[in-house]
Protein backbone atom coordinates (compact mmCIF):
# COMPACT_ATOMS: atom_id res chain seq x y z
CA MET A 1 114.66 -24.65 41.05
CA SER A 2 111.31 -23.24 42.19
CA VAL A 3 112.82 -21.58 45.27
CA ARG A 4 115.27 -19.75 42.98
CA GLN A 5 112.50 -18.63 40.66
CA LEU A 6 110.40 -17.21 43.62
CA GLN A 7 113.48 -15.52 45.00
CA ASN A 8 114.27 -13.89 41.64
CA LEU A 9 110.66 -12.73 41.14
CA LEU A 10 110.42 -11.13 44.59
CA GLU A 11 113.88 -9.48 44.31
CA GLU A 12 112.94 -7.94 40.99
CA HIS A 13 109.99 -6.00 42.46
CA ASP A 14 109.58 -3.48 45.14
CA ASP A 15 106.01 -4.59 45.97
CA ILE A 16 104.86 -8.18 45.98
CA PRO A 17 103.63 -9.20 42.47
CA TRP A 18 100.65 -11.22 43.53
CA GLU A 19 99.43 -12.09 40.06
CA ALA A 20 102.80 -12.94 38.73
CA LEU A 21 103.50 -15.06 41.92
CA THR A 22 100.13 -16.90 41.35
CA PHE A 23 100.97 -17.48 37.69
CA LEU A 24 104.42 -18.81 38.53
CA ILE A 25 103.32 -21.25 41.05
CA GLY A 26 100.13 -22.35 39.37
CA GLU A 27 101.11 -22.43 35.80
CA VAL A 28 104.85 -22.72 35.56
CA ILE A 29 105.76 -24.89 38.68
CA TYR A 30 102.64 -26.96 39.05
CA GLY A 31 101.11 -26.44 35.59
CA GLY A 32 102.66 -29.63 34.09
CA ARG A 33 101.63 -31.80 36.88
CA VAL A 34 97.99 -30.81 37.06
CA THR A 35 96.45 -31.96 33.85
CA ASP A 36 92.76 -31.94 34.54
CA GLU A 37 90.98 -28.70 33.86
CA TRP A 38 88.84 -28.79 36.93
CA ASP A 39 92.02 -29.44 39.08
CA MET A 40 93.73 -26.44 37.51
CA ARG A 41 90.72 -24.27 38.43
CA CYS A 42 90.83 -25.69 42.04
CA LEU A 43 94.51 -25.01 42.24
CA GLY A 44 93.91 -21.52 40.79
CA ALA A 45 91.27 -20.83 43.55
CA LEU A 46 93.47 -22.04 46.35
CA LEU A 47 96.38 -20.01 45.27
CA LYS A 48 94.34 -16.80 45.08
CA ARG A 49 93.47 -17.46 48.81
CA PHE A 50 97.09 -17.84 49.80
CA PHE A 51 98.80 -15.31 47.53
CA CYS A 52 96.92 -11.93 48.22
CA PRO A 53 97.79 -8.91 50.17
CA GLU A 54 95.04 -9.85 52.73
CA ALA A 55 97.11 -12.92 53.72
CA LEU A 56 99.65 -10.70 55.34
CA THR A 57 97.12 -9.23 57.84
CA GLU A 58 96.86 -10.49 61.43
CA ASN A 59 93.21 -11.64 61.27
CA TYR A 60 93.20 -13.12 57.64
CA SER A 61 91.49 -16.41 57.36
CA TYR A 62 92.29 -18.88 54.62
CA SER A 63 88.70 -20.46 54.93
CA PRO A 64 85.49 -19.07 53.91
CA ASP A 65 84.02 -19.69 57.39
CA GLN A 66 86.79 -17.49 58.90
CA VAL A 67 88.51 -20.28 60.88
CA ARG A 68 91.82 -18.81 62.13
CA VAL A 69 95.10 -20.59 62.95
CA VAL A 70 96.21 -20.43 66.60
CA HIS A 71 99.91 -20.00 66.91
CA ILE A 72 100.85 -22.61 69.43
CA THR A 73 104.23 -21.09 70.29
CA ALA A 74 102.41 -18.10 71.87
CA HIS A 75 100.47 -20.42 74.14
CA LEU A 76 103.61 -22.52 74.99
CA SER A 77 105.55 -19.41 76.39
CA HIS A 78 102.85 -18.98 79.03
CA GLY A 79 103.43 -22.29 80.61
CA ALA A 80 99.71 -23.21 81.01
CA TRP A 81 99.34 -23.99 77.30
CA SER A 82 96.96 -26.91 77.72
CA THR A 83 94.47 -24.78 79.56
CA SER A 84 94.61 -21.87 77.12
CA LEU A 85 94.71 -23.86 73.92
CA PHE A 86 92.48 -26.76 74.62
CA GLY A 87 90.21 -25.37 77.38
CA PHE A 88 90.94 -28.01 80.06
């Protein structure tokens, strides 16, 4: 059901409705499962990091200390993935 709701929301808008997406995930889909007020605040903070225009940029980091994800598939295509990925 939640995948259908997301699909409908995204198809109804030309641009990504970030606030509506955050509300749908946080309040509608997970809202009944998260009952503690502090857990709801935590969920809201996490969703704001994941559902924002900046998340679509190449150098966006989900962590405050700017740790970035290394896409392992790019390293695997070079053959020497262990050297380039792990440094040995």
